[in-house]
């Protein structure tokens, strides 16, 4: 039975929410993110906060995709307790793909917004 929290998303985007949620939970991070590149490969990451390095989960997921050769992103998802998308993660996605949807989900996987611009 489909999860009603992500039922409105296409199956491939629901997978992104699941991967982002798992990345967040795996290390107890503030947020998790996942992206899908133009070839359908997925990359997920959790936020990093070190004395010498701070990256949002979405920045890190985008960096992993680009470092693996991705030149386009089809979609992204962020699982967070924040109510809005962080500007740095948003900018990282837009640097690669100006129109890829970015789904925002709560820790329980309820998607509460999708950013298209």
N, C-alpha and C. Protein backbone atom coordinates (compact mmCIF):
# COMPACT_ATOMS: atom_id res chain seq x y z
N UNK A 1 0.84 -1.18 0.00
CA UNK A 1 0.00 0.00 0.00
C UNK A 1 0.89 1.25 0.00
N UNK A 2 0.63 2.22 -0.88
CA UNK A 2 1.46 3.42 -0.92
C UNK A 2 1.36 4.23 0.36
N UNK A 3 2.45 4.88 0.69
CA UNK A 3 2.48 5.75 1.86
C UNK A 3 1.71 7.03 1.52
N UNK A 4 0.65 7.37 2.26
CA UNK A 4 -0.13 8.56 1.94
C UNK A 4 0.69 9.85 2.04
N UNK A 5 1.78 9.82 2.80
CA UNK A 5 2.61 11.02 2.97
C UNK A 5 3.30 11.42 1.68
N UNK A 6 3.58 10.45 0.81
CA UNK A 6 4.27 10.73 -0.44
C UNK A 6 3.47 10.29 -1.66
N UNK A 7 2.20 9.97 -1.47
CA UNK A 7 1.37 9.42 -2.54
C UNK A 7 1.24 10.35 -3.74
N UNK A 8 1.33 11.66 -3.54
CA UNK A 8 1.16 12.59 -4.65
C UNK A 8 2.40 12.69 -5.53
N UNK A 9 3.50 12.14 -5.09
CA UNK A 9 4.74 12.20 -5.86
C UNK A 9 4.85 11.02 -6.81
N UNK A 10 5.56 11.21 -7.92
CA UNK A 10 5.88 10.05 -8.77
C UNK A 10 6.76 9.08 -7.98
N UNK A 11 6.72 7.83 -8.33
CA UNK A 11 7.46 6.80 -7.60
C UNK A 11 8.95 7.12 -7.49
N UNK A 12 9.54 7.65 -8.56
CA UNK A 12 10.97 7.97 -8.52
C UNK A 12 11.28 9.07 -7.51
N UNK A 13 10.35 10.02 -7.34
CA UNK A 13 10.55 11.10 -6.37
C UNK A 13 10.28 10.62 -4.95
N UNK A 14 9.35 9.69 -4.80
CA UNK A 14 9.11 9.08 -3.49
C UNK A 14 10.38 8.38 -3.02
N UNK A 15 11.08 7.73 -3.95
CA UNK A 15 12.35 7.07 -3.60
C UNK A 15 13.36 8.09 -3.08
N UNK A 16 13.39 9.29 -3.66
CA UNK A 16 14.30 10.32 -3.19
C UNK A 16 13.99 10.72 -1.74
N UNK A 17 12.72 10.85 -1.42
CA UNK A 17 12.33 11.18 -0.04
C UNK A 17 12.78 10.06 0.90
N UNK A 18 12.60 8.81 0.50
CA UNK A 18 13.02 7.67 1.31
C UNK A 18 14.52 7.67 1.53
N UNK A 19 15.29 7.92 0.47
CA UNK A 19 16.75 7.97 0.59
C UNK A 19 17.20 9.12 1.47
N UNK A 20 16.58 10.28 1.33
CA UNK A 20 16.93 11.44 2.15
C UNK A 20 16.63 11.18 3.62
N UNK A 21 15.50 10.56 3.85
CA UNK A 21 15.11 10.23 5.23
C UNK A 21 16.10 9.25 5.85
N UNK A 22 16.52 8.27 5.09
CA UNK A 22 17.48 7.27 5.58
C UNK A 22 18.84 7.91 5.87
N UNK A 23 19.29 8.81 5.00
CA UNK A 23 20.57 9.48 5.21
C UNK A 23 20.54 10.29 6.51
N UNK A 24 19.44 10.98 6.73
CA UNK A 24 19.29 11.79 7.95
C UNK A 24 19.30 10.92 9.18
N UNK A 25 18.55 9.84 9.15
CA UNK A 25 18.42 8.96 10.31
C UNK A 25 19.71 8.20 10.60
N UNK A 26 20.43 7.83 9.56
CA UNK A 26 21.65 7.02 9.72
C UNK A 26 22.66 7.67 10.65
N UNK A 27 22.79 8.99 10.58
CA UNK A 27 23.79 9.68 11.41
C UNK A 27 23.17 10.67 12.39
N UNK A 28 21.85 10.72 12.45
CA UNK A 28 21.19 11.64 13.36
C UNK A 28 21.40 13.09 12.97
N UNK A 29 21.49 13.36 11.68
CA UNK A 29 21.76 14.71 11.18
C UNK A 29 20.51 15.58 11.22
N UNK A 30 20.73 16.87 11.11
CA UNK A 30 19.62 17.82 11.08
C UNK A 30 18.76 17.64 9.83
N UNK A 31 19.40 17.27 8.73
CA UNK A 31 18.65 17.06 7.49
C UNK A 31 19.32 16.01 6.62
N UNK A 32 18.53 15.44 5.74
CA UNK A 32 19.03 14.50 4.75
C UNK A 32 18.52 14.95 3.39
N UNK A 33 19.23 14.59 2.35
CA UNK A 33 18.82 14.97 1.00
C UNK A 33 19.19 13.88 0.02
N UNK A 34 18.51 13.89 -1.11
CA UNK A 34 18.83 12.97 -2.20
C UNK A 34 18.53 13.68 -3.51
N UNK A 35 19.31 13.36 -4.52
CA UNK A 35 19.08 13.90 -5.87
C UNK A 35 19.14 12.75 -6.87
N UNK A 36 18.47 12.95 -8.01
CA UNK A 36 18.53 11.99 -9.11
C UNK A 36 19.08 12.73 -10.31
N UNK A 37 20.11 12.16 -10.93
CA UNK A 37 20.72 12.83 -12.07
C UNK A 37 20.00 12.49 -13.37
N UNK A 38 20.48 13.06 -14.45
CA UNK A 38 19.85 12.86 -15.75
C UNK A 38 19.89 11.45 -16.27
N UNK A 39 20.76 10.60 -15.70
CA UNK A 39 20.83 9.19 -16.08
C UNK A 39 20.05 8.29 -15.14
N UNK A 40 19.37 8.89 -14.15
CA UNK A 40 18.57 8.11 -13.20
C UNK A 40 19.33 7.63 -11.98
N UNK A 41 20.61 7.98 -11.87
CA UNK A 41 21.39 7.58 -10.69
C UNK A 41 21.02 8.48 -9.52
N UNK A 42 21.03 7.93 -8.32
CA UNK A 42 20.68 8.70 -7.13
C UNK A 42 21.89 8.86 -6.21
N UNK A 43 21.88 9.97 -5.49
CA UNK A 43 22.93 10.30 -4.54
C UNK A 43 22.25 10.85 -3.30
N UNK A 44 22.64 10.38 -2.13
CA UNK A 44 22.04 10.91 -0.91
C UNK A 44 23.13 11.33 0.06
N UNK A 45 22.77 12.21 0.98
CA UNK A 45 23.73 12.75 1.93
C UNK A 45 23.01 13.32 3.14
N UNK A 46 23.76 13.50 4.19
CA UNK A 46 23.27 14.17 5.40
C UNK A 46 24.06 15.46 5.58
N UNK A 47 23.48 16.39 6.31
CA UNK A 47 24.18 17.65 6.57
C UNK A 47 25.45 17.38 7.37
N UNK A 48 26.45 18.22 7.15
CA UNK A 48 27.75 18.10 7.81
C UNK A 48 28.03 19.40 8.54
N UNK A 49 28.40 19.30 9.80
CA UNK A 49 28.76 20.48 10.57
C UNK A 49 30.01 20.18 11.38
N UNK A 50 31.14 20.63 10.84
CA UNK A 50 32.44 20.46 11.48
C UNK A 50 33.02 21.85 11.75
N UNK A 51 33.99 21.95 12.62
CA UNK A 51 34.59 23.27 12.84
C UNK A 51 35.13 23.91 11.57
N UNK A 52 35.63 23.11 10.65
CA UNK A 52 36.22 23.66 9.43
C UNK A 52 35.36 23.49 8.18
N UNK A 53 34.18 22.87 8.30
CA UNK A 53 33.36 22.60 7.12
C UNK A 53 31.90 22.45 7.50
N UNK A 54 31.05 23.21 6.85
CA UNK A 54 29.61 23.08 7.03
C UNK A 54 28.95 23.01 5.66
N UNK A 55 28.20 21.95 5.43
CA UNK A 55 27.46 21.78 4.18
C UNK A 55 26.05 21.33 4.50
N UNK A 56 25.10 21.87 3.75
CA UNK A 56 23.74 21.35 3.89
C UNK A 56 23.70 19.98 3.23
N UNK A 57 22.72 19.20 3.57
CA UNK A 57 22.57 17.88 2.97
C UNK A 57 22.39 17.99 1.46
N UNK A 58 21.64 18.99 1.03
CA UNK A 58 21.40 19.15 -0.41
C UNK A 58 22.67 19.58 -1.13
N UNK A 59 23.46 20.46 -0.54
CA UNK A 59 24.75 20.82 -1.15
C UNK A 59 25.61 19.58 -1.33
N UNK A 60 25.67 18.74 -0.31
CA UNK A 60 26.53 17.56 -0.37
C UNK A 60 26.02 16.54 -1.38
N UNK A 61 24.70 16.35 -1.46
CA UNK A 61 24.14 15.42 -2.44
C UNK A 61 24.42 15.91 -3.87
N UNK A 62 24.27 17.22 -4.09
CA UNK A 62 24.56 17.78 -5.40
C UNK A 62 26.05 17.63 -5.71
N UNK A 63 26.91 17.89 -4.73
CA UNK A 63 28.35 17.75 -4.94
C UNK A 63 28.71 16.32 -5.30
N UNK A 64 28.10 15.34 -4.64
CA UNK A 64 28.37 13.94 -4.95
C UNK A 64 27.96 13.61 -6.38
N UNK A 65 26.80 14.13 -6.80
CA UNK A 65 26.34 13.88 -8.16
C UNK A 65 27.29 14.50 -9.19
N UNK A 66 27.66 15.75 -8.97
CA UNK A 66 28.55 16.44 -9.90
C UNK A 66 29.93 15.77 -9.92
N UNK A 67 30.42 15.37 -8.75
CA UNK A 67 31.72 14.70 -8.68
C UNK A 67 31.70 13.35 -9.40
N UNK A 68 30.52 12.79 -9.57
CA UNK A 68 30.39 11.52 -10.29
C UNK A 68 30.10 11.72 -11.77
N UNK A 69 30.09 12.97 -12.20
CA UNK A 69 29.91 13.25 -13.61
C UNK A 69 28.55 13.72 -14.04
N UNK A 70 27.63 13.91 -13.11
CA UNK A 70 26.28 14.37 -13.47
C UNK A 70 26.34 15.78 -14.02
N UNK A 71 25.62 16.02 -15.09
CA UNK A 71 25.53 17.35 -15.67
C UNK A 71 24.11 17.90 -15.62
N UNK A 72 23.18 17.08 -15.14
CA UNK A 72 21.78 17.47 -15.04
C UNK A 72 21.17 16.76 -13.84
N UNK A 73 20.26 17.44 -13.15
CA UNK A 73 19.48 16.81 -12.08
C UNK A 73 18.02 16.79 -12.50
N UNK A 74 17.37 15.65 -12.29
CA UNK A 74 15.95 15.53 -12.61
C UNK A 74 15.08 15.99 -11.46
N UNK A 75 15.52 15.70 -10.21
CA UNK A 75 14.73 16.06 -9.03
C UNK A 75 15.59 15.94 -7.79
N UNK A 76 15.10 16.55 -6.72
CA UNK A 76 15.80 16.49 -5.43
C UNK A 76 14.76 16.42 -4.31
N UNK A 77 15.20 15.94 -3.16
CA UNK A 77 14.33 15.91 -1.97
C UNK A 77 15.18 16.22 -0.75
N UNK A 78 14.58 16.94 0.18
CA UNK A 78 15.22 17.27 1.45
C UNK A 78 14.26 16.88 2.56
N UNK A 79 14.78 16.16 3.55
CA UNK A 79 14.00 15.83 4.74
C UNK A 79 14.58 16.66 5.88
N UNK A 80 13.73 17.48 6.48
CA UNK A 80 14.19 18.44 7.46
C UNK A 80 13.06 18.82 8.42
N UNK A 81 13.44 19.37 9.54
CA UNK A 81 12.45 19.93 10.46
C UNK A 81 12.21 21.41 10.17
N UNK A 82 13.02 22.00 9.30
CA UNK A 82 12.84 23.40 8.92
C UNK A 82 11.58 23.55 8.08
N UNK A 83 11.05 24.74 8.06
CA UNK A 83 9.82 24.98 7.30
C UNK A 83 10.07 25.50 5.89
N UNK A 84 11.32 25.81 5.58
CA UNK A 84 11.65 26.32 4.25
C UNK A 84 12.94 25.68 3.75
N UNK A 85 13.16 25.78 2.46
CA UNK A 85 14.37 25.27 1.84
C UNK A 85 15.51 26.24 2.09
N UNK A 86 16.66 25.72 2.48
CA UNK A 86 17.81 26.60 2.72
C UNK A 86 18.33 27.16 1.39
N UNK A 87 18.79 28.39 1.43
CA UNK A 87 19.23 29.08 0.22
C UNK A 87 20.44 28.43 -0.44
N UNK A 88 21.37 27.90 0.36
CA UNK A 88 22.57 27.30 -0.21
C UNK A 88 22.26 26.01 -0.96
N UNK A 89 21.42 25.17 -0.40
CA UNK A 89 21.03 23.94 -1.08
C UNK A 89 20.25 24.24 -2.34
N UNK A 90 19.33 25.19 -2.25
CA UNK A 90 18.55 25.61 -3.41
C UNK A 90 19.47 26.09 -4.52
N UNK A 91 20.45 26.92 -4.18
CA UNK A 91 21.39 27.44 -5.17
C UNK A 91 22.22 26.32 -5.81
N UNK A 92 22.62 25.34 -5.02
CA UNK A 92 23.41 24.23 -5.56
C UNK A 92 22.64 23.46 -6.62
N UNK A 93 21.36 23.18 -6.35
CA UNK A 93 20.53 22.48 -7.35
C UNK A 93 20.38 23.35 -8.59
N UNK A 94 20.10 24.63 -8.40
CA UNK A 94 19.89 25.53 -9.55
C UNK A 94 21.16 25.73 -10.38
N UNK A 95 22.31 25.61 -9.76
CA UNK A 95 23.56 25.70 -10.52
C UNK A 95 23.64 24.59 -11.57
N UNK A 96 23.04 23.45 -11.29
CA UNK A 96 23.10 22.30 -12.19
C UNK A 96 21.86 22.20 -13.06
N UNK A 97 20.69 22.44 -12.48
CA UNK A 97 19.43 22.31 -13.20
C UNK A 97 18.44 23.39 -12.78
N UNK A 98 18.21 24.37 -13.63
CA UNK A 98 17.35 25.49 -13.27
C UNK A 98 15.89 25.14 -12.97
N UNK A 99 15.41 24.00 -13.44
CA UNK A 99 13.99 23.70 -13.28
C UNK A 99 13.68 22.41 -12.51
N UNK A 100 14.67 21.73 -11.98
CA UNK A 100 14.41 20.47 -11.27
C UNK A 100 13.56 20.73 -10.03
N UNK A 101 12.51 19.94 -9.81
CA UNK A 101 11.71 20.12 -8.60
C UNK A 101 12.51 19.69 -7.36
N UNK A 102 12.33 20.45 -6.28
CA UNK A 102 12.95 20.12 -5.00
C UNK A 102 11.82 19.90 -4.01
N UNK A 103 11.66 18.67 -3.55
CA UNK A 103 10.59 18.32 -2.61
C UNK A 103 11.10 18.49 -1.19
N UNK A 104 10.30 19.16 -0.36
CA UNK A 104 10.62 19.32 1.05
C UNK A 104 9.70 18.41 1.85
N UNK A 105 10.30 17.63 2.74
CA UNK A 105 9.52 16.68 3.54
C UNK A 105 9.91 16.78 5.00
N UNK A 106 8.94 16.52 5.84
CA UNK A 106 9.17 16.45 7.28
C UNK A 106 9.83 15.11 7.60
N UNK A 107 10.38 14.96 8.80
CA UNK A 107 11.02 13.69 9.18
C UNK A 107 10.12 12.45 9.04
N UNK A 108 8.80 12.63 9.08
CA UNK A 108 7.90 11.48 8.92
C UNK A 108 7.61 11.21 7.44
N UNK A 109 8.29 11.89 6.54
CA UNK A 109 8.18 11.75 5.08
C UNK A 109 6.99 12.50 4.47
N UNK A 110 6.28 13.28 5.26
CA UNK A 110 5.18 14.08 4.72
C UNK A 110 5.77 15.21 3.87
N UNK A 111 5.47 15.20 2.60
CA UNK A 111 5.95 16.25 1.70
C UNK A 111 5.06 17.48 1.90
N UNK A 112 5.68 18.60 2.29
CA UNK A 112 4.88 19.80 2.57
C UNK A 112 5.10 20.92 1.56
N UNK A 113 6.05 20.75 0.65
CA UNK A 113 6.27 21.77 -0.38
C UNK A 113 7.12 21.19 -1.50
N UNK A 114 6.95 21.75 -2.67
CA UNK A 114 7.81 21.45 -3.81
C UNK A 114 8.19 22.79 -4.45
N UNK A 115 9.50 23.00 -4.56
CA UNK A 115 10.03 24.24 -5.13
C UNK A 115 10.39 23.97 -6.58
N UNK A 116 9.88 24.80 -7.48
CA UNK A 116 10.14 24.63 -8.91
C UNK A 116 11.03 25.71 -9.49
N UNK A 117 11.29 26.78 -8.75
CA UNK A 117 12.11 27.86 -9.31
C UNK A 117 13.36 28.07 -8.51
